[in-house]
């Protein structure tokens, strides 16, 4: 039986323009021997002009994200991992190629702290529900017919499962980074997101925190059947313990490095 794809990339190329600034402060002793102010002003203006170049980290990508899989994407800094995630989630348009979706809503867990500091953890988790109700949208998602009592029951189940029930009334600044990231994961689960994207969420965690976070993603995948796409710098030998499939960015394309824990 063929797998159902949720996201499909066809011949996708990711390119963007990078501005390169030439800064005269990086040229030592230049100002010391320019005495004429007019000449110096002309030279400074010339040196500060921006030059641009096109950067193409990924070219000709063909990739499916399948329903129910835990996909890890690894590669060195600057290889285009985050750009690929942005294209997959629709945040960024590819320079060339086609992206198709059979998933309708996404959740995000990031290395950056994106919880609102004015709200406590419970309010942050429930925020999408209240924004949805305020807009009175009718798009066929489960939120349309969900009542607040059912939502709180779902929330209570998830916070106990992921061990954040003790921080629900706290504000993000008083919680650890790992707790905040598990709160984002709980939000995605509570709001029944089709795909959960995670952009290097382990970066600011110690080794124990990384293991706990990866285990949380694995549980969301296996116990709750959520599709996970994890961008990471973690070693593939570690990722095999958690992800069902791993790809690596190499030579401006992607190669599969393991599937179901096997090379």
C-alpha atoms as a PDB file:
ATOM      1  CA  UNK A   1       0.000   0.000   0.000  1.00  0.00           C
ATOM      2  CA  UNK A   2       1.410   3.348  -1.040  1.00  0.00           C
ATOM      3  CA  UNK A   3       1.979   6.021   1.572  1.00  0.00           C
ATOM      4  CA  UNK A   4      -0.123   9.159   1.592  1.00  0.00           C
ATOM      5  CA  UNK A   5       2.014  12.224   1.095  1.00  0.00           C
ATOM      6  CA  UNK A   6       1.160  15.420   2.964  1.00  0.00           C
ATOM      7  CA  UNK A   7       3.801  17.667   1.392  1.00  0.00           C
ATOM      8  CA  UNK A   8       5.339  17.163  -2.040  1.00  0.00           C
ATOM      9  CA  UNK A   9       8.302  19.060  -3.480  1.00  0.00           C
ATOM     10  CA  UNK A  10       8.903  18.740  -7.214  1.00  0.00           C
ATOM     11  CA  UNK A  11      12.123  20.035  -8.797  1.00  0.00           C
ATOM     12  CA  UNK A  12      12.378  22.730  -6.127  1.00  0.00           C
ATOM     13  CA  UNK A  13      15.255  25.198  -6.207  1.00  0.00           C
ATOM     14  CA  UNK A  14      15.805  27.605  -3.337  1.00  0.00           C
ATOM     15  CA  UNK A  15      17.704  30.791  -4.141  1.00  0.00           C
ATOM     16  CA  UNK A  16      17.832  34.209  -2.579  1.00  0.00           C
ATOM     17  CA  UNK A  17      19.771  37.407  -2.900  1.00  0.00           C
ATOM     18  CA  UNK A  18      22.432  38.204  -0.338  1.00  0.00           C
ATOM     19  CA  UNK A  19      23.686  41.746   0.157  1.00  0.00           C
ATOM     20  CA  UNK A  20      27.402  42.077   0.772  1.00  0.00           C
ATOM     21  CA  UNK A  21      28.473  45.278   2.529  1.00  0.00           C
ATOM     22  CA  UNK A  22      31.949  46.641   2.040  1.00  0.00           C
ATOM     23  CA  UNK A  23      32.809  48.459   5.233  1.00  0.00           C
ATOM     24  CA  UNK A  24      35.763  50.887   5.205  1.00  0.00           C
ATOM     25  CA  UNK A  25      36.318  50.320   8.922  1.00  0.00           C
ATOM     26  CA  UNK A  26      37.703  46.917   7.949  1.00  0.00           C
ATOM     27  CA  UNK A  27      40.503  48.568   5.969  1.00  0.00           C
ATOM     28  CA  UNK A  28      43.037  49.595   8.660  1.00  0.00           C
ATOM     29  CA  UNK A  29      44.923  52.876   8.341  1.00  0.00           C
ATOM     30  CA  UNK A  30      42.898  53.944   5.277  1.00  0.00           C
ATOM     31  CA  UNK A  31      41.529  57.092   6.971  1.00  0.00           C
ATOM     32  CA  UNK A  32      44.887  58.037   8.445  1.00  0.00           C
ATOM     33  CA  UNK A  33      46.491  58.877   5.122  1.00  0.00           C
ATOM     34  CA  UNK A  34      43.427  60.493   3.469  1.00  0.00           C
ATOM     35  CA  UNK A  35      43.625  64.141   4.429  1.00  0.00           C
ATOM     36  CA  UNK A  36      41.367  65.654   1.821  1.00  0.00           C
ATOM     37  CA  UNK A  37      37.796  65.537   3.211  1.00  0.00           C
ATOM     38  CA  UNK A  38      36.154  65.595  -0.199  1.00  0.00           C
ATOM     39  CA  UNK A  39      38.268  62.704  -1.444  1.00  0.00           C
ATOM     40  CA  UNK A  40      37.592  60.765   1.751  1.00  0.00           C
ATOM     41  CA  UNK A  41      33.837  61.280   1.433  1.00  0.00           C
ATOM     42  CA  UNK A  42      33.894  59.949  -2.130  1.00  0.00           C
ATOM     43  CA  UNK A  43      35.932  56.912  -1.122  1.00  0.00           C
ATOM     44  CA  UNK A  44      33.729  56.180   1.930  1.00  0.00           C
ATOM     45  CA  UNK A  45      30.577  56.349  -0.189  1.00  0.00           C
ATOM     46  CA  UNK A  46      32.077  53.965  -2.738  1.00  0.00           C
ATOM     47  CA  UNK A  47      33.253  51.481  -0.117  1.00  0.00           C
ATOM     48  CA  UNK A  48      29.884  51.424   1.659  1.00  0.00           C
ATOM     49  CA  UNK A  49      27.942  50.530  -1.445  1.00  0.00           C
ATOM     50  CA  UNK A  50      26.184  47.171  -1.342  1.00  0.00           C
ATOM     51  CA  UNK A  51      26.944  44.418  -3.764  1.00  0.00           C
ATOM     52  CA  UNK A  52      24.583  41.480  -4.220  1.00  0.00           C
ATOM     53  CA  UNK A  53      25.008  37.866  -5.141  1.00  0.00           C
ATOM     54  CA  UNK A  54      22.586  35.011  -5.616  1.00  0.00           C
ATOM     55  CA  UNK A  55      22.936  32.154  -3.148  1.00  0.00           C
ATOM     56  CA  UNK A  56      21.437  28.787  -4.137  1.00  0.00           C
ATOM     57  CA  UNK A  57      21.725  26.311  -1.254  1.00  0.00           C
ATOM     58  CA  UNK A  58      19.346  23.736  -2.779  1.00  0.00           C
ATOM     59  CA  UNK A  59      18.639  22.802  -6.378  1.00  0.00           C
ATOM     60  CA  UNK A  60      16.282  20.287  -8.030  1.00  0.00           C
ATOM     61  CA  UNK A  61      14.787  18.887  -4.822  1.00  0.00           C
ATOM     62  CA  UNK A  62      12.209  16.111  -5.170  1.00  0.00           C
ATOM     63  CA  UNK A  63      10.843  15.044  -1.805  1.00  0.00           C
ATOM     64  CA  UNK A  64       7.653  13.767  -0.196  1.00  0.00           C
ATOM     65  CA  UNK A  65       6.742  14.162   3.473  1.00  0.00           C
ATOM     66  CA  UNK A  66       4.463  11.223   4.217  1.00  0.00           C
ATOM     67  CA  UNK A  67       1.617  11.030   6.684  1.00  0.00           C
ATOM     68  CA  UNK A  68       2.650   9.682  10.061  1.00  0.00           C
ATOM     69  CA  UNK A  69       6.408   9.785   9.563  1.00  0.00           C
ATOM     70  CA  UNK A  70       9.061  11.411  11.715  1.00  0.00           C
ATOM     71  CA  UNK A  71      11.457  12.969   9.200  1.00  0.00           C
ATOM     72  CA  UNK A  72      14.781  14.418  10.285  1.00  0.00           C
ATOM     73  CA  UNK A  73      16.703  16.850   8.065  1.00  0.00           C
ATOM     74  CA  UNK A  74      20.378  17.318   8.880  1.00  0.00           C
ATOM     75  CA  UNK A  75      23.285  19.186   7.366  1.00  0.00           C
ATOM     76  CA  UNK A  76      25.977  21.738   8.192  1.00  0.00           C
ATOM     77  CA  UNK A  77      25.345  25.398   8.944  1.00  0.00           C
ATOM     78  CA  UNK A  78      24.374  27.357   5.848  1.00  0.00           C
ATOM     79  CA  UNK A  79      23.340  24.267   3.887  1.00  0.00           C
ATOM     80  CA  UNK A  80      19.713  25.379   3.561  1.00  0.00           C
ATOM     81  CA  UNK A  81      17.981  23.269   6.223  1.00  0.00           C
ATOM     82  CA  UNK A  82      15.825  26.074   7.602  1.00  0.00           C
ATOM     83  CA  UNK A  83      15.090  27.415   4.118  1.00  0.00           C
ATOM     84  CA  UNK A  84      13.852  23.950   3.134  1.00  0.00           C
ATOM     85  CA  UNK A  85      11.584  23.839   6.186  1.00  0.00           C
ATOM     86  CA  UNK A  86      10.206  27.278   5.328  1.00  0.00           C
ATOM     87  CA  UNK A  87       9.412  26.171   1.784  1.00  0.00           C
ATOM     88  CA  UNK A  88       7.765  22.977   3.066  1.00  0.00           C
ATOM     89  CA  UNK A  89       5.532  24.949   5.423  1.00  0.00           C
ATOM     90  CA  UNK A  90       4.627  27.651   2.882  1.00  0.00           C
ATOM     91  CA  UNK A  91       6.391  30.446   4.751  1.00  0.00           C
ATOM     92  CA  UNK A  92       8.805  30.940   1.855  1.00  0.00           C
ATOM     93  CA  UNK A  93       8.306  30.517  -1.877  1.00  0.00           C
ATOM     94  CA  UNK A  94      10.829  28.469  -3.870  1.00  0.00           C
ATOM     95  CA  UNK A  95      12.779  30.160  -6.646  1.00  0.00           C
ATOM     96  CA  UNK A  96      11.743  27.360  -8.989  1.00  0.00           C
ATOM     97  CA  UNK A  97       9.636  24.215  -8.821  1.00  0.00           C
ATOM     98  CA  UNK A  98       6.337  23.223  -7.242  1.00  0.00           C
ATOM     99  CA  UNK A  99       5.213  22.589  -3.672  1.00  0.00           C
ATOM    100  CA  UNK A 100       1.879  20.832  -3.035  1.00  0.00           C
ATOM    101  CA  UNK A 101       0.068  20.247   0.254  1.00  0.00           C
ATOM    102  CA  UNK A 102      -2.545  17.764   1.423  1.00  0.00           C
ATOM    103  CA  UNK A 103      -2.182  19.019   4.998  1.00  0.00           C
ATOM    104  CA  UNK A 104      -4.144  22.073   6.055  1.00  0.00           C
ATOM    105  CA  UNK A 105      -2.573  23.305   9.278  1.00  0.00           C
ATOM    106  CA  UNK A 106       0.862  23.261  10.852  1.00  0.00           C
ATOM    107  CA  UNK A 107       2.451  23.592  14.268  1.00  0.00           C
ATOM    108  CA  UNK A 108       5.924  24.955  14.976  1.00  0.00           C
ATOM    109  CA  UNK A 109       8.592  24.365  17.616  1.00  0.00           C
ATOM    110  CA  UNK A 110      11.671  26.572  17.324  1.00  0.00           C
ATOM    111  CA  UNK A 111      15.034  27.128  18.977  1.00  0.00           C
ATOM    112  CA  UNK A 112      13.832  30.694  19.488  1.00  0.00           C
ATOM    113  CA  UNK A 113      11.370  31.577  22.209  1.00  0.00           C
ATOM    114  CA  UNK A 114       8.088  32.401  20.471  1.00  0.00           C
ATOM    115  CA  UNK A 115       5.716  32.220  23.436  1.00  0.00           C
ATOM    116  CA  UNK A 116       4.189  35.569  24.362  1.00  0.00           C
ATOM    117  CA  UNK A 117       5.797  36.810  27.595  1.00  0.00           C
ATOM    118  CA  UNK A 118       2.616  38.598  28.731  1.00  0.00           C
ATOM    119  CA  UNK A 119       0.636  35.346  28.838  1.00  0.00           C
ATOM    120  CA  UNK A 120       1.118  32.338  31.078  1.00  0.00           C
ATOM    121  CA  UNK A 121       1.807  28.903  29.604  1.00  0.00           C
ATOM    122  CA  UNK A 122      -1.852  27.826  29.620  1.00  0.00           C
ATOM    123  CA  UNK A 123      -2.897  31.015  27.829  1.00  0.00           C
ATOM    124  CA  UNK A 124      -0.097  30.613  25.278  1.00  0.00           C
ATOM    125  CA  UNK A 125      -1.178  27.064  24.499  1.00  0.00           C
ATOM    126  CA  UNK A 126      -4.839  28.036  24.079  1.00  0.00           C
ATOM    127  CA  UNK A 127      -4.151  31.262  22.183  1.00  0.00           C
ATOM    128  CA  UNK A 128      -4.797  29.825  18.657  1.00  0.00           C
ATOM    129  CA  UNK A 129      -8.228  28.609  19.784  1.00  0.00           C
ATOM    130  CA  UNK A 130      -9.278  32.037  21.052  1.00  0.00           C
ATOM    131  CA  UNK A 131      -7.897  33.785  17.967  1.00  0.00           C
ATOM    132  CA  UNK A 132      -9.808  31.335  15.783  1.00  0.00           C
ATOM    133  CA  UNK A 133     -13.060  31.963  17.653  1.00  0.00           C
ATOM    134  CA  UNK A 134     -12.527  35.728  17.532  1.00  0.00           C
ATOM    135  CA  UNK A 135     -12.167  35.626  13.737  1.00  0.00           C
ATOM    136  CA  UNK A 136     -15.267  33.424  13.391  1.00  0.00           C
ATOM    137  CA  UNK A 137     -13.595  31.376  10.709  1.00  0.00           C
ATOM    138  CA  UNK A 138     -15.320  28.426   9.070  1.00  0.00           C
ATOM    139  CA  UNK A 139     -12.693  26.309   7.364  1.00  0.00           C
ATOM    140  CA  UNK A 140     -13.733  22.811   8.348  1.00  0.00           C
ATOM    141  CA  UNK A 141     -11.044  22.223  10.974  1.00  0.00           C
ATOM    142  CA  UNK A 142     -11.833  20.489  14.235  1.00  0.00           C
ATOM    143  CA  UNK A 143     -11.722  23.847  16.066  1.00  0.00           C
ATOM    144  CA  UNK A 144     -15.006  24.850  14.457  1.00  0.00           C
ATOM    145  CA  UNK A 145     -17.063  22.451  16.572  1.00  0.00           C
ATOM    146  CA  UNK A 146     -14.803  22.107  19.599  1.00  0.00           C
ATOM    147  CA  UNK A 147     -16.158  23.455  22.873  1.00  0.00           C
ATOM    148  CA  UNK A 148     -13.986  24.870  25.605  1.00  0.00           C
ATOM    149  CA  UNK A 149     -14.586  21.972  28.028  1.00  0.00           C
ATOM    150  CA  UNK A 150     -13.349  19.419  25.503  1.00  0.00           C
ATOM    151  CA  UNK A 151     -10.364  21.621  24.739  1.00  0.00           C
ATOM    152  CA  UNK A 152      -9.355  21.841  28.391  1.00  0.00           C
ATOM    153  CA  UNK A 153      -9.666  18.070  28.738  1.00  0.00           C
ATOM    154  CA  UNK A 154      -7.348  17.576  25.770  1.00  0.00           C
ATOM    155  CA  UNK A 155      -4.951  20.099  27.261  1.00  0.00           C
ATOM    156  CA  UNK A 156      -4.962  18.381  30.661  1.00  0.00           C
ATOM    157  CA  UNK A 157      -4.173  15.024  29.048  1.00  0.00           C
ATOM    158  CA  UNK A 158      -1.277  16.387  27.024  1.00  0.00           C
ATOM    159  CA  UNK A 159       0.366  18.467  29.771  1.00  0.00           C
ATOM    160  CA  UNK A 160       0.440  15.425  32.049  1.00  0.00           C
ATOM    161  CA  UNK A 161       1.857  13.262  29.268  1.00  0.00           C
ATOM    162  CA  UNK A 162       4.639  15.743  28.540  1.00  0.00           C
ATOM    163  CA  UNK A 163       5.251  16.738  32.180  1.00  0.00           C
ATOM    164  CA  UNK A 164       4.439  20.448  32.085  1.00  0.00           C
ATOM    165  CA  UNK A 165       1.339  20.495  34.314  1.00  0.00           C
ATOM    166  CA  UNK A 166       3.300  22.330  37.034  1.00  0.00           C
ATOM    167  CA  UNK A 167       4.112  25.334  34.818  1.00  0.00           C
ATOM    168  CA  UNK A 168       0.686  26.113  33.315  1.00  0.00           C
ATOM    169  CA  UNK A 169       0.176  29.220  35.448  1.00  0.00           C
ATOM    170  CA  UNK A 170       3.757  30.427  35.052  1.00  0.00           C
ATOM    171  CA  UNK A 171       4.986  32.922  32.476  1.00  0.00           C
ATOM    172  CA  UNK A 172       7.581  31.848  29.886  1.00  0.00           C
ATOM    173  CA  UNK A 173      10.428  33.816  31.459  1.00  0.00           C
ATOM    174  CA  UNK A 174      10.181  31.661  34.602  1.00  0.00           C
ATOM    175  CA  UNK A 175      10.304  28.378  32.674  1.00  0.00           C
ATOM    176  CA  UNK A 176      13.244  26.506  31.215  1.00  0.00           C
ATOM    177  CA  UNK A 177      13.809  26.435  27.466  1.00  0.00           C
ATOM    178  CA  UNK A 178      12.935  22.746  27.374  1.00  0.00           C
ATOM    179  CA  UNK A 179       9.651  23.382  29.184  1.00  0.00           C
ATOM    180  CA  UNK A 180       8.760  26.167  26.760  1.00  0.00           C
ATOM    181  CA  UNK A 181       9.462  23.932  23.774  1.00  0.00           C
ATOM    182  CA  UNK A 182       7.330  21.136  25.215  1.00  0.00           C
ATOM    183  CA  UNK A 183       4.597  23.739  25.701  1.00  0.00           C
ATOM    184  CA  UNK A 184       4.814  24.557  21.977  1.00  0.00           C
ATOM    185  CA  UNK A 185       4.585  20.839  21.203  1.00  0.00           C
ATOM    186  CA  UNK A 186       1.538  20.506  23.482  1.00  0.00           C
ATOM    187  CA  UNK A 187      -0.053  23.478  21.717  1.00  0.00           C
ATOM    188  CA  UNK A 188       0.425  21.816  18.335  1.00  0.00           C
ATOM    189  CA  UNK A 189      -1.097  18.583  19.662  1.00  0.00           C
ATOM    190  CA  UNK A 190      -3.988  20.309  21.430  1.00  0.00           C
ATOM    191  CA  UNK A 191      -4.800  22.244  18.254  1.00  0.00           C
ATOM    192  CA  UNK A 192      -4.595  18.977  16.280  1.00  0.00           C
ATOM    193  CA  UNK A 193      -2.003  20.186  13.771  1.00  0.00           C
ATOM    194  CA  UNK A 194      -1.449  17.930  10.758  1.00  0.00           C
ATOM    195  CA  UNK A 195       2.317  18.457  10.635  1.00  0.00           C
ATOM    196  CA  UNK A 196       4.631  19.692  13.386  1.00  0.00           C
ATOM    197  CA  UNK A 197       7.767  21.477  12.145  1.00  0.00           C
ATOM    198  CA  UNK A 198      10.749  21.858  14.470  1.00  0.00           C
ATOM    199  CA  UNK A 199      13.683  24.101  13.546  1.00  0.00           C
ATOM    200  CA  UNK A 200      16.808  23.063  15.491  1.00  0.00           C
ATOM    201  CA  UNK A 201      14.918  23.082  18.814  1.00  0.00           C
ATOM    202  CA  UNK A 202      17.791  21.304  20.563  1.00  0.00           C
ATOM    203  CA  UNK A 203      20.313  24.109  20.039  1.00  0.00           C
ATOM    204  CA  UNK A 204      19.989  25.735  23.461  1.00  0.00           C
ATOM    205  CA  UNK A 205      19.566  22.533  25.486  1.00  0.00           C
ATOM    206  CA  UNK A 206      22.049  20.382  27.366  1.00  0.00           C
ATOM    207  CA  UNK A 207      22.393  16.682  26.559  1.00  0.00           C
ATOM    208  CA  UNK A 208      19.635  15.607  28.966  1.00  0.00           C
ATOM    209  CA  UNK A 209      17.317  18.285  27.622  1.00  0.00           C
ATOM    210  CA  UNK A 210      17.969  17.162  24.056  1.00  0.00           C
ATOM    211  CA  UNK A 211      17.113  13.556  24.862  1.00  0.00           C
ATOM    212  CA  UNK A 212      13.916  14.588  26.641  1.00  0.00           C
ATOM    213  CA  UNK A 213      12.867  16.778  23.711  1.00  0.00           C
ATOM    214  CA  UNK A 214      13.597  14.113  21.077  1.00  0.00           C
ATOM    215  CA  UNK A 215      11.662  11.574  23.154  1.00  0.00           C
ATOM    216  CA  UNK A 216       8.737  13.999  23.267  1.00  0.00           C
ATOM    217  CA  UNK A 217       8.747  14.292  19.480  1.00  0.00           C
ATOM    218  CA  UNK A 218       8.942  10.522  19.147  1.00  0.00           C
ATOM    219  CA  UNK A 219       5.983  10.083  21.477  1.00  0.00           C
ATOM    220  CA  UNK A 220       3.969  12.694  19.553  1.00  0.00           C
ATOM    221  CA  UNK A 221       4.741  10.694  16.416  1.00  0.00           C
ATOM    222  CA  UNK A 222       4.155   7.151  17.670  1.00  0.00           C
ATOM    223  CA  UNK A 223       1.453   7.616  20.316  1.00  0.00           C
ATOM    224  CA  UNK A 224      -0.506  10.430  18.674  1.00  0.00           C
ATOM    225  CA  UNK A 225       0.275   9.680  15.006  1.00  0.00           C
ATOM    226  CA  UNK A 226       1.550  13.173  14.278  1.00  0.00           C
ATOM    227  CA  UNK A 227       3.798  13.858  11.316  1.00  0.00           C
ATOM    228  CA  UNK A 228       7.042  15.449  12.502  1.00  0.00           C
ATOM    229  CA  UNK A 229       9.621  17.314  10.396  1.00  0.00           C
ATOM    230  CA  UNK A 230      12.734  18.051  12.436  1.00  0.00           C
ATOM    231  CA  UNK A 231      15.598  20.229  11.192  1.00  0.00           C
ATOM    232  CA  UNK A 232      18.633  19.470  13.287  1.00  0.00           C
ATOM    233  CA  UNK A 233      22.428  19.417  13.553  1.00  0.00           C
ATOM    234  CA  UNK A 234      22.312  16.251  15.640  1.00  0.00           C
ATOM    235  CA  UNK A 235      24.357  13.272  14.449  1.00  0.00           C
ATOM    236  CA  UNK A 236      22.453  10.684  12.353  1.00  0.00           C
ATOM    237  CA  UNK A 237      23.419   7.875  14.762  1.00  0.00           C
ATOM    238  CA  UNK A 238      21.476   9.727  17.460  1.00  0.00           C
ATOM    239  CA  UNK A 239      18.558  10.601  15.178  1.00  0.00           C
ATOM    240  CA  UNK A 240      18.029   6.941  14.254  1.00  0.00           C
ATOM    241  CA  UNK A 241      16.812   6.312  17.795  1.00  0.00           C
ATOM    242  CA  UNK A 242      13.912   8.731  17.343  1.00  0.00           C
ATOM    243  CA  UNK A 243      13.115   9.503  13.697  1.00  0.00           C
ATOM    244  CA  UNK A 244      11.605   7.022  11.233  1.00  0.00           C
ATOM    245  CA  UNK A 245      13.481   8.501   8.259  1.00  0.00           C
ATOM    246  CA  UNK A 246      16.475  10.776   7.891  1.00  0.00           C
ATOM    247  CA  UNK A 247      17.725  12.884   5.014  1.00  0.00           C
ATOM    248  CA  UNK A 248      20.891  14.952   4.757  1.00  0.00           C
ATOM    249  CA  UNK A 249      21.660  17.973   2.618  1.00  0.00           C
ATOM    250  CA  UNK A 250      24.687  17.268   0.450  1.00  0.00           C
ATOM    251  CA  UNK A 251      25.946  18.962  -2.713  1.00  0.00           C
ATOM    252  CA  UNK A 252      22.868  21.239  -2.958  1.00  0.00           C
ATOM    253  CA  UNK A 253      20.467  18.296  -2.831  1.00  0.00           C
ATOM    254  CA  UNK A 254      19.069  15.809  -0.316  1.00  0.00           C
ATOM    255  CA  UNK A 255      20.060  12.178   0.184  1.00  0.00           C
ATOM    256  CA  UNK A 256      18.341   9.627   2.387  1.00  0.00           C
ATOM    257  CA  UNK A 257      20.663   8.393   5.128  1.00  0.00           C
ATOM    258  CA  UNK A 258      18.357   6.049   7.012  1.00  0.00           C
ATOM    259  CA  UNK A 259      14.819   4.699   6.874  1.00  0.00           C
ATOM    260  CA  UNK A 260      13.081   3.034   9.806  1.00  0.00           C
ATOM    261  CA  UNK A 261      16.359   3.006  11.698  1.00  0.00           C
ATOM    262  CA  UNK A 262      18.352   1.286   8.987  1.00  0.00           C
ATOM    263  CA  UNK A 263      20.967   2.626   6.571  1.00  0.00           C
END
